[in-house]
Amino acid sequence: MTFAKHGQRCYDTDRMSHTPADIQAQLRRAIMESDMSRYRLAQLTGVSQATLSLFVHNKRSVTMDIAAKLARELGLELTPIKGPKKGR
């Protein structure tokens, strides 16, 4: 998965692997670059300010459900990326 905004990629994800850690790093960057306050983002997503702060400061990770909520409020979209089939 990667993040896209308005049909375009926000970051040069072609050179990155798409592990959960990479996705979360992209989301952290989007939060920090956003004009939206973390207080407002917490209100809109239902994610506590404490959880959001810990996530932004790389002290904890978030579930894909929370990542999807954050992405949606930031105007981002989680897009599945097909990888090579395993076992062949």
PDB file of N, CA and C in Angstrom:
ATOM      1  N   MET A   1       0.842  -1.178   0.000  1.00  0.00           N
ATOM      2  CA  MET A   1       0.000   0.000   0.000  1.00  0.00           C
ATOM      3  C   MET A   1       0.881   1.233   0.000  1.00  0.00           C
ATOM      4  N   THR A   2       0.348   2.284  -0.538  1.00  0.00           N
ATOM      5  CA  THR A   2       1.032   3.560  -0.548  1.00  0.00           C
ATOM      6  C   THR A   2      -0.014   4.643  -0.383  1.00  0.00           C
ATOM      7  N   PHE A   3       0.414   5.848  -0.197  1.00  0.00           N
ATOM      8  CA  PHE A   3      -0.519   6.951  -0.058  1.00  0.00           C
ATOM      9  C   PHE A   3      -0.576   7.730  -1.348  1.00  0.00           C
ATOM     10  N   ALA A   4      -1.775   8.134  -1.724  1.00  0.00           N
ATOM     11  CA  ALA A   4      -1.960   8.970  -2.907  1.00  0.00           C
ATOM     12  C   ALA A   4      -2.847  10.136  -2.515  1.00  0.00           C
ATOM     13  N   LYS A   5      -2.635  11.263  -3.145  1.00  0.00           N
ATOM     14  CA  LYS A   5      -3.456  12.434  -2.881  1.00  0.00           C
ATOM     15  C   LYS A   5      -3.955  12.969  -4.210  1.00  0.00           C
ATOM     16  N   HIS A   6      -5.260  13.069  -4.344  1.00  0.00           N
ATOM     17  CA  HIS A   6      -5.878  13.581  -5.561  1.00  0.00           C
ATOM     18  C   HIS A   6      -5.366  12.860  -6.800  1.00  0.00           C
ATOM     19  N   GLY A   7      -5.242  11.536  -6.701  1.00  0.00           N
ATOM     20  CA  GLY A   7      -4.844  10.741  -7.839  1.00  0.00           C
ATOM     21  C   GLY A   7      -3.360  10.747  -8.145  1.00  0.00           C
ATOM     22  N   GLN A   8      -2.574  11.453  -7.355  1.00  0.00           N
ATOM     23  CA  GLN A   8      -1.136  11.481  -7.572  1.00  0.00           C
ATOM     24  C   GLN A   8      -0.443  10.994  -6.313  1.00  0.00           C
ATOM     25  N   ARG A   9       0.741  10.459  -6.473  1.00  0.00           N
ATOM     26  CA  ARG A   9       1.482  10.028  -5.296  1.00  0.00           C
ATOM     27  C   ARG A   9       2.041  11.232  -4.570  1.00  0.00           C
ATOM     28  N   CYS A  10       1.940  11.183  -3.260  1.00  0.00           N
ATOM     29  CA  CYS A  10       2.463  12.279  -2.441  1.00  0.00           C
ATOM     30  C   CYS A  10       3.978  12.214  -2.352  1.00  0.00           C
ATOM     31  N   TYR A  11       4.510  11.037  -2.318  1.00  0.00           N
ATOM     32  CA  TYR A  11       5.936  10.866  -2.114  1.00  0.00           C
ATOM     33  C   TYR A  11       6.463   9.917  -3.175  1.00  0.00           C
ATOM     34  N   ASP A  12       7.726   9.926  -3.400  1.00  0.00           N
ATOM     35  CA  ASP A  12       8.346   9.062  -4.401  1.00  0.00           C
ATOM     36  C   ASP A  12       8.412   7.655  -3.848  1.00  0.00           C
ATOM     37  N   THR A  13       7.292   6.954  -3.910  1.00  0.00           N
ATOM     38  CA  THR A  13       7.213   5.631  -3.309  1.00  0.00           C
ATOM     39  C   THR A  13       7.731   4.543  -4.232  1.00  0.00           C
ATOM     40  N   ASP A  14       8.012   4.866  -5.496  1.00  0.00           N
ATOM     41  CA  ASP A  14       8.511   3.850  -6.413  1.00  0.00           C
ATOM     42  C   ASP A  14       9.858   3.303  -5.954  1.00  0.00           C
ATOM     43  N   ARG A  15      10.620   4.096  -5.237  1.00  0.00           N
ATOM     44  CA  ARG A  15      11.939   3.666  -4.791  1.00  0.00           C
ATOM     45  C   ARG A  15      11.919   3.074  -3.389  1.00  0.00           C
ATOM     46  N   MET A  16      10.759   3.063  -2.757  1.00  0.00           N
ATOM     47  CA  MET A  16      10.640   2.558  -1.396  1.00  0.00           C
ATOM     48  C   MET A  16       9.994   1.182  -1.409  1.00  0.00           C
ATOM     49  N   SER A  17      10.306   0.392  -0.405  1.00  0.00           N
ATOM     50  CA  SER A  17       9.515  -0.816  -0.222  1.00  0.00           C
ATOM     51  C   SER A  17       8.231  -0.373   0.471  1.00  0.00           C
ATOM     52  N   HIS A  18       7.232  -1.211   0.422  1.00  0.00           N
ATOM     53  CA  HIS A  18       5.931  -0.816   0.955  1.00  0.00           C
ATOM     54  C   HIS A  18       5.585  -1.627   2.193  1.00  0.00           C
ATOM     55  N   THR A  19       6.517  -1.669   3.126  1.00  0.00           N
ATOM     56  CA  THR A  19       6.293  -2.367   4.377  1.00  0.00           C
ATOM     57  C   THR A  19       5.406  -1.510   5.269  1.00  0.00           C
ATOM     58  N   PRO A  20       4.808  -2.088   6.295  1.00  0.00           N
ATOM     59  CA  PRO A  20       4.030  -1.275   7.236  1.00  0.00           C
ATOM     60  C   PRO A  20       4.849  -0.114   7.814  1.00  0.00           C
ATOM     61  N   ALA A  21       6.137  -0.333   8.061  1.00  0.00           N
ATOM     62  CA  ALA A  21       6.982   0.749   8.598  1.00  0.00           C
ATOM     63  C   ALA A  21       7.110   1.894   7.597  1.00  0.00           C
ATOM     64  N   ASP A  22       7.232   1.575   6.302  1.00  0.00           N
ATOM     65  CA  ASP A  22       7.323   2.616   5.274  1.00  0.00           C
ATOM     66  C   ASP A  22       6.022   3.405   5.185  1.00  0.00           C
ATOM     67  N   ILE A  23       4.909   2.692   5.238  1.00  0.00           N
ATOM     68  CA  ILE A  23       3.603   3.350   5.167  1.00  0.00           C
ATOM     69  C   ILE A  23       3.436   4.286   6.354  1.00  0.00           C
ATOM     70  N   GLN A  24       3.822   3.822   7.543  1.00  0.00           N
ATOM     71  CA  GLN A  24       3.674   4.665   8.726  1.00  0.00           C
ATOM     72  C   GLN A  24       4.606   5.868   8.659  1.00  0.00           C
ATOM     73  N   ALA A  25       5.801   5.702   8.112  1.00  0.00           N
ATOM     74  CA  ALA A  25       6.723   6.836   7.961  1.00  0.00           C
ATOM     75  C   ALA A  25       6.129   7.872   7.019  1.00  0.00           C
ATOM     76  N   GLN A  26       5.496   7.423   5.946  1.00  0.00           N
ATOM     77  CA  GLN A  26       4.859   8.345   5.011  1.00  0.00           C
ATOM     78  C   GLN A  26       3.705   9.085   5.699  1.00  0.00           C
ATOM     79  N   LEU A  27       2.943   8.355   6.507  1.00  0.00           N
ATOM     80  CA  LEU A  27       1.821   8.970   7.212  1.00  0.00           C
ATOM     81  C   LEU A  27       2.318   9.986   8.243  1.00  0.00           C
ATOM     82  N   ARG A  28       3.389   9.653   8.959  1.00  0.00           N
ATOM     83  CA  ARG A  28       3.963  10.614   9.916  1.00  0.00           C
ATOM     84  C   ARG A  28       4.359  11.904   9.196  1.00  0.00           C
ATOM     85  N   ARG A  29       5.014  11.747   8.065  1.00  0.00           N
ATOM     86  CA  ARG A  29       5.445  12.914   7.291  1.00  0.00           C
ATOM     87  C   ARG A  29       4.247  13.750   6.858  1.00  0.00           C
ATOM     88  N   ALA A  30       3.189  13.100   6.405  1.00  0.00           N
ATOM     89  CA  ALA A  30       1.987  13.815   5.975  1.00  0.00           C
ATOM     90  C   ALA A  30       1.362  14.581   7.146  1.00  0.00           C
ATOM     91  N   ILE A  31       1.346  13.980   8.325  1.00  0.00           N
ATOM     92  CA  ILE A  31       0.799  14.652   9.505  1.00  0.00           C
ATOM     93  C   ILE A  31       1.625  15.888   9.843  1.00  0.00           C
ATOM     94  N   MET A  32       2.943  15.726   9.843  1.00  0.00           N
ATOM     95  CA  MET A  32       3.819  16.845  10.206  1.00  0.00           C
ATOM     96  C   MET A  32       3.758  17.981   9.181  1.00  0.00           C
ATOM     97  N   GLU A  33       3.518  17.654   7.913  1.00  0.00           N
ATOM     98  CA  GLU A  33       3.467  18.673   6.872  1.00  0.00           C
ATOM     99  C   GLU A  33       2.070  19.269   6.695  1.00  0.00           C
ATOM    100  N   SER A  34       1.095  18.696   7.373  1.00  0.00           N
ATOM    101  CA  SER A  34      -0.287  19.152   7.247  1.00  0.00           C
ATOM    102  C   SER A  34      -0.504  20.491   7.953  1.00  0.00           C
ATOM    103  N   ASP A  35      -1.428  21.262   7.420  1.00  0.00           N
ATOM    104  CA  ASP A  35      -1.836  22.515   8.075  1.00  0.00           C
ATOM    105  C   ASP A  35      -2.816  22.251   9.209  1.00  0.00           C
ATOM    106  N   MET A  36      -3.320  21.027   9.292  1.00  0.00           N
ATOM    107  CA  MET A  36      -4.288  20.683  10.328  1.00  0.00           C
ATOM    108  C   MET A  36      -3.563  20.454  11.656  1.00  0.00           C
ATOM    109  N   SER A  37      -4.115  20.999  12.726  1.00  0.00           N
ATOM    110  CA  SER A  37      -3.509  20.775  14.040  1.00  0.00           C
ATOM    111  C   SER A  37      -3.719  19.327  14.463  1.00  0.00           C
ATOM    112  N   ARG A  38      -2.846  18.853  15.283  1.00  0.00           N
ATOM    113  CA  ARG A  38      -2.989  17.475  15.773  1.00  0.00           C
ATOM    114  C   ARG A  38      -4.232  17.353  16.651  1.00  0.00           C
ATOM    115  N   TYR A  39      -4.569  18.417  17.350  1.00  0.00           N
ATOM    116  CA  TYR A  39      -5.786  18.425  18.166  1.00  0.00           C
ATOM    117  C   TYR A  39      -7.006  18.192  17.266  1.00  0.00           C
ATOM    118  N   ARG A  40      -7.074  18.921  16.160  1.00  0.00           N
ATOM    119  CA  ARG A  40      -8.203  18.786  15.234  1.00  0.00           C
ATOM    120  C   ARG A  40      -8.211  17.397  14.586  1.00  0.00           C
ATOM    121  N   LEU A  41      -7.041  16.916  14.200  1.00  0.00           N
ATOM    122  CA  LEU A  41      -6.940  15.593  13.597  1.00  0.00           C
ATOM    123  C   LEU A  41      -7.418  14.523  14.581  1.00  0.00           C
ATOM    124  N   ALA A  42      -7.062  14.670  15.838  1.00  0.00           N
ATOM    125  CA  ALA A  42      -7.520  13.735  16.868  1.00  0.00           C
ATOM    126  C   ALA A  42      -9.044  13.783  16.994  1.00  0.00           C
ATOM    127  N   GLN A  43      -9.609  14.986  16.985  1.00  0.00           N
ATOM    128  CA  GLN A  43     -11.063  15.120  17.074  1.00  0.00           C
ATOM    129  C   GLN A  43     -11.768  14.445  15.905  1.00  0.00           C
ATOM    130  N   LEU A  44     -11.284  14.687  14.709  1.00  0.00           N
ATOM    131  CA  LEU A  44     -11.935  14.170  13.508  1.00  0.00           C
ATOM    132  C   LEU A  44     -11.825  12.658  13.364  1.00  0.00           C
ATOM    133  N   THR A  45     -10.755  12.080  13.873  1.00  0.00           N
ATOM    134  CA  THR A  45     -10.522  10.646  13.692  1.00  0.00           C
ATOM    135  C   THR A  45     -10.946   9.801  14.876  1.00  0.00           C
ATOM    136  N   GLY A  46     -11.099  10.423  16.038  1.00  0.00           N
ATOM    137  CA  GLY A  46     -11.400   9.656  17.239  1.00  0.00           C
ATOM    138  C   GLY A  46     -10.167   9.009  17.837  1.00  0.00           C
ATOM    139  N   VAL A  47      -9.002   9.355  17.316  1.00  0.00           N
ATOM    140  CA  VAL A  47      -7.732   8.858  17.848  1.00  0.00           C
ATOM    141  C   VAL A  47      -7.304   9.822  18.946  1.00  0.00           C
ATOM    142  N   SER A  48      -6.936   9.317  20.101  1.00  0.00           N
ATOM    143  CA  SER A  48      -6.569  10.211  21.198  1.00  0.00           C
ATOM    144  C   SER A  48      -5.343  11.040  20.835  1.00  0.00           C
ATOM    145  N   GLN A  49      -5.258  12.223  21.426  1.00  0.00           N
ATOM    146  CA  GLN A  49      -4.099  13.087  21.201  1.00  0.00           C
ATOM    147  C   GLN A  49      -2.826  12.398  21.672  1.00  0.00           C
ATOM    148  N   ALA A  50      -2.911  11.650  22.738  1.00  0.00           N
ATOM    149  CA  ALA A  50      -1.739  10.942  23.258  1.00  0.00           C
ATOM    150  C   ALA A  50      -1.241   9.918  22.238  1.00  0.00           C
ATOM    151  N   THR A  51      -2.157   9.133  21.682  1.00  0.00           N
ATOM    152  CA  THR A  51      -1.788   8.140  20.663  1.00  0.00           C
ATOM    153  C   THR A  51      -1.195   8.827  19.446  1.00  0.00           C
ATOM    154  N   LEU A  52      -1.826   9.901  19.012  1.00  0.00           N
ATOM    155  CA  LEU A  52      -1.343  10.641  17.849  1.00  0.00           C
ATOM    156  C   LEU A  52       0.052  11.208  18.096  1.00  0.00           C
ATOM    157  N   SER A  53       0.267  11.769  19.264  1.00  0.00           N
ATOM    158  CA  SER A  53       1.575  12.331  19.602  1.00  0.00           C
ATOM    159  C   SER A  53       2.650  11.253  19.640  1.00  0.00           C
ATOM    160  N   LEU A  54       2.342  10.124  20.274  1.00  0.00           N
ATOM    161  CA  LEU A  54       3.303   9.023  20.330  1.00  0.00           C
ATOM    162  C   LEU A  54       3.625   8.502  18.934  1.00  0.00           C
ATOM    163  N   PHE A  55       2.611   8.433  18.085  1.00  0.00           N
ATOM    164  CA  PHE A  55       2.823   7.980  16.720  1.00  0.00           C
ATOM    165  C   PHE A  55       3.716   8.947  15.941  1.00  0.00           C
ATOM    166  N   VAL A  56       3.400  10.226  16.013  1.00  0.00           N
ATOM    167  CA  VAL A  56       4.165  11.236  15.274  1.00  0.00           C
ATOM    168  C   VAL A  56       5.623  11.253  15.714  1.00  0.00           C
ATOM    169  N   HIS A  57       5.876  11.013  16.987  1.00  0.00           N
ATOM    170  CA  HIS A  57       7.236  11.028  17.515  1.00  0.00           C
ATOM    171  C   HIS A  57       7.904   9.651  17.465  1.00  0.00           C
ATOM    172  N   ASN A  58       7.289   8.747  16.672  1.00  0.00           N
ATOM    173  CA  ASN A  58       7.850   7.420  16.416  1.00  0.00           C
ATOM    174  C   ASN A  58       8.040   6.592  17.696  1.00  0.00           C
ATOM    175  N   LYS A  59       7.150   6.803  18.667  1.00  0.00           N
ATOM    176  CA  LYS A  59       7.203   6.049  19.920  1.00  0.00           C
ATOM    177  C   LYS A  59       6.250   4.860  19.904  1.00  0.00           C
ATOM    178  N   ARG A  60       5.347   4.829  18.905  1.00  0.00           N
ATOM    179  CA  ARG A  60       4.430   3.707  18.750  1.00  0.00           C
ATOM    180  C   ARG A  60       3.944   3.659  17.317  1.00  0.00           C
ATOM    181  N   SER A  61       3.434   2.511  16.944  1.00  0.00           N
ATOM    182  CA  SER A  61       2.844   2.373  15.616  1.00  0.00           C
ATOM    183  C   SER A  61       1.322   2.429  15.761  1.00  0.00           C
ATOM    184  N   VAL A  62       0.636   2.428  14.647  1.00  0.00           N
ATOM    185  CA  VAL A  62      -0.826   2.424  14.674  1.00  0.00           C
ATOM    186  C   VAL A  62      -1.321   1.279  13.808  1.00  0.00           C
ATOM    187  N   THR A  63      -2.541   0.866  14.055  1.00  0.00           N
ATOM    188  CA  THR A  63      -3.161  -0.190  13.255  1.00  0.00           C
ATOM    189  C   THR A  63      -3.507   0.362  11.877  1.00  0.00           C
ATOM    190  N   MET A  64      -3.769  -0.535  10.946  1.00  0.00           N
ATOM    191  CA  MET A  64      -4.178  -0.094   9.611  1.00  0.00           C
ATOM    192  C   MET A  64      -5.509   0.642   9.676  1.00  0.00           C
ATOM    193  N   ASP A  65      -6.371   0.274  10.616  1.00  0.00           N
ATOM    194  CA  ASP A  65      -7.649   0.968  10.786  1.00  0.00           C
ATOM    195  C   ASP A  65      -7.410   2.437  11.154  1.00  0.00           C
ATOM    196  N   ILE A  66      -6.535   2.673  12.118  1.00  0.00           N
ATOM    197  CA  ILE A  66      -6.217   4.046  12.518  1.00  0.00           C
ATOM    198  C   ILE A  66      -5.494   4.769  11.392  1.00  0.00           C
ATOM    199  N   ALA A  67      -4.570   4.085  10.717  1.00  0.00           N
ATOM    200  CA  ALA A  67      -3.863   4.693   9.591  1.00  0.00           C
ATOM    201  C   ALA A  67      -4.853   5.139   8.522  1.00  0.00           C
ATOM    202  N   ALA A  68      -5.858   4.323   8.255  1.00  0.00           N
ATOM    203  CA  ALA A  68      -6.873   4.668   7.256  1.00  0.00           C
ATOM    204  C   ALA A  68      -7.679   5.894   7.681  1.00  0.00           C
ATOM    205  N   LYS A  69      -8.032   5.980   8.967  1.00  0.00           N
ATOM    206  CA  LYS A  69      -8.763   7.155   9.473  1.00  0.00           C
ATOM    207  C   LYS A  69      -7.928   8.422   9.330  1.00  0.00           C
ATOM    208  N   LEU A  70      -6.657   8.335   9.715  1.00  0.00           N
ATOM    209  CA  LEU A  70      -5.763   9.491   9.615  1.00  0.00           C
ATOM    210  C   LEU A  70      -5.584   9.900   8.157  1.00  0.00           C
ATOM    211  N   ALA A  71      -5.347   8.924   7.308  1.00  0.00           N
ATOM    212  CA  ALA A  71      -5.154   9.201   5.882  1.00  0.00           C
ATOM    213  C   ALA A  71      -6.382   9.884   5.295  1.00  0.00           C
ATOM    214  N   ARG A  72      -7.555   9.365   5.614  1.00  0.00           N
ATOM    215  CA  ARG A  72      -8.799   9.939   5.079  1.00  0.00           C
ATOM    216  C   ARG A  72      -8.936  11.411   5.466  1.00  0.00           C
ATOM    217  N   GLU A  73      -8.678  11.734   6.734  1.00  0.00           N
ATOM    218  CA  GLU A  73      -8.820  13.123   7.184  1.00  0.00           C
ATOM    219  C   GLU A  73      -7.738  14.038   6.613  1.00  0.00           C
ATOM    220  N   LEU A  74      -6.617  13.469   6.222  1.00  0.00           N
ATOM    221  CA  LEU A  74      -5.541  14.260   5.612  1.00  0.00           C
ATOM    222  C   LEU A  74      -5.690  14.353   4.102  1.00  0.00           C
ATOM    223  N   GLY A  75      -6.771  13.772   3.576  1.00  0.00           N
ATOM    224  CA  GLY A  75      -7.010  13.814   2.135  1.00  0.00           C
ATOM    225  C   GLY A  75      -6.148  12.840   1.362  1.00  0.00           C
ATOM    226  N   LEU A  76      -5.690  11.790   2.047  1.00  0.00           N
ATOM    227  CA  LEU A  76      -4.857  10.772   1.420  1.00  0.00           C
ATOM    228  C   LEU A  76      -5.675   9.509   1.210  1.00  0.00           C
ATOM    229  N   GLU A  77      -5.170   8.630   0.377  1.00  0.00           N
ATOM    230  CA  GLU A  77      -5.852   7.381   0.094  1.00  0.00           C
ATOM    231  C   GLU A  77      -4.855   6.240   0.209  1.00  0.00           C
ATOM    232  N   LEU A  78      -5.240   5.212   0.917  1.00  0.00           N
ATOM    233  CA  LEU A  78      -4.420   4.000   0.963  1.00  0.00           C
ATOM    234  C   LEU A  78      -4.733   3.202  -0.295  1.00  0.00           C
ATOM    235  N   THR A  79      -3.715   2.910  -1.054  1.00  0.00           N
ATOM    236  CA  THR A  79      -3.906   2.198  -2.309  1.00  0.00           C
ATOM    237  C   THR A  79      -3.126   0.892  -2.285  1.00  0.00           C
ATOM    238  N   PRO A  80      -3.809  -0.236  -2.442  1.00  0.00           N
ATOM    239  CA  PRO A  80      -3.090  -1.510  -2.471  1.00  0.00           C
ATOM    240  C   PRO A  80      -2.164  -1.571  -3.691  1.00  0.00           C
ATOM    241  N   ILE A  81      -0.996  -2.129  -3.497  1.00  0.00           N
ATOM    242  CA  ILE A  81      -0.052  -2.319  -4.595  1.00  0.00           C
ATOM    243  C   ILE A  81       0.191  -3.810  -4.717  1.00  0.00           C
ATOM    244  N   LYS A  82      -0.018  -4.319  -5.904  1.00  0.00           N
ATOM    245  CA  LYS A  82       0.182  -5.746  -6.123  1.00  0.00           C
ATOM    246  C   LYS A  82       1.671  -6.038  -6.183  1.00  0.00           C
ATOM    247  N   GLY A  83       2.066  -7.006  -5.406  1.00  0.00           N
ATOM    248  CA  GLY A  83       3.449  -7.450  -5.417  1.00  0.00           C
ATOM    249  C   GLY A  83       3.567  -8.762  -6.162  1.00  0.00           C
ATOM    250  N   PRO A  84       4.756  -9.287  -6.249  1.00  0.00           N
ATOM    251  CA  PRO A  84       4.926 -10.578  -6.906  1.00  0.00           C
ATOM    252  C   PRO A  84       4.215 -11.673  -6.130  1.00  0.00           C
ATOM    253  N   LYS A  85       3.676 -12.631  -6.850  1.00  0.00           N
ATOM    254  CA  LYS A  85       2.991 -13.744  -6.200  1.00  0.00           C
ATOM    255  C   LYS A  85       4.014 -14.627  -5.511  1.00  0.00           C
ATOM    256  N   LYS A  86       3.693 -15.064  -4.317  1.00  0.00           N
ATOM    257  CA  LYS A  86       4.584 -15.931  -3.555  1.00  0.00           C
ATOM    258  C   LYS A  86       4.333 -17.378  -3.938  1.00  0.00           C
ATOM    259  N   GLY A  87       5.388 -18.182  -3.814  1.00  0.00           N
ATOM    260  CA  GLY A  87       5.243 -19.601  -4.043  1.00  0.00           C
ATOM    261  C   GLY A  87       5.368 -20.015  -5.486  1.00  0.00           C
ATOM    262  N   ARG A  88       5.831 -19.154  -6.339  1.00  0.00           N
ATOM    263  CA  ARG A  88       5.981 -19.520  -7.757  1.00  0.00           C
ATOM    264  C   ARG A  88       7.382 -19.326  -8.210  1.00  0.00           C
TER     265      ARG A  88
END
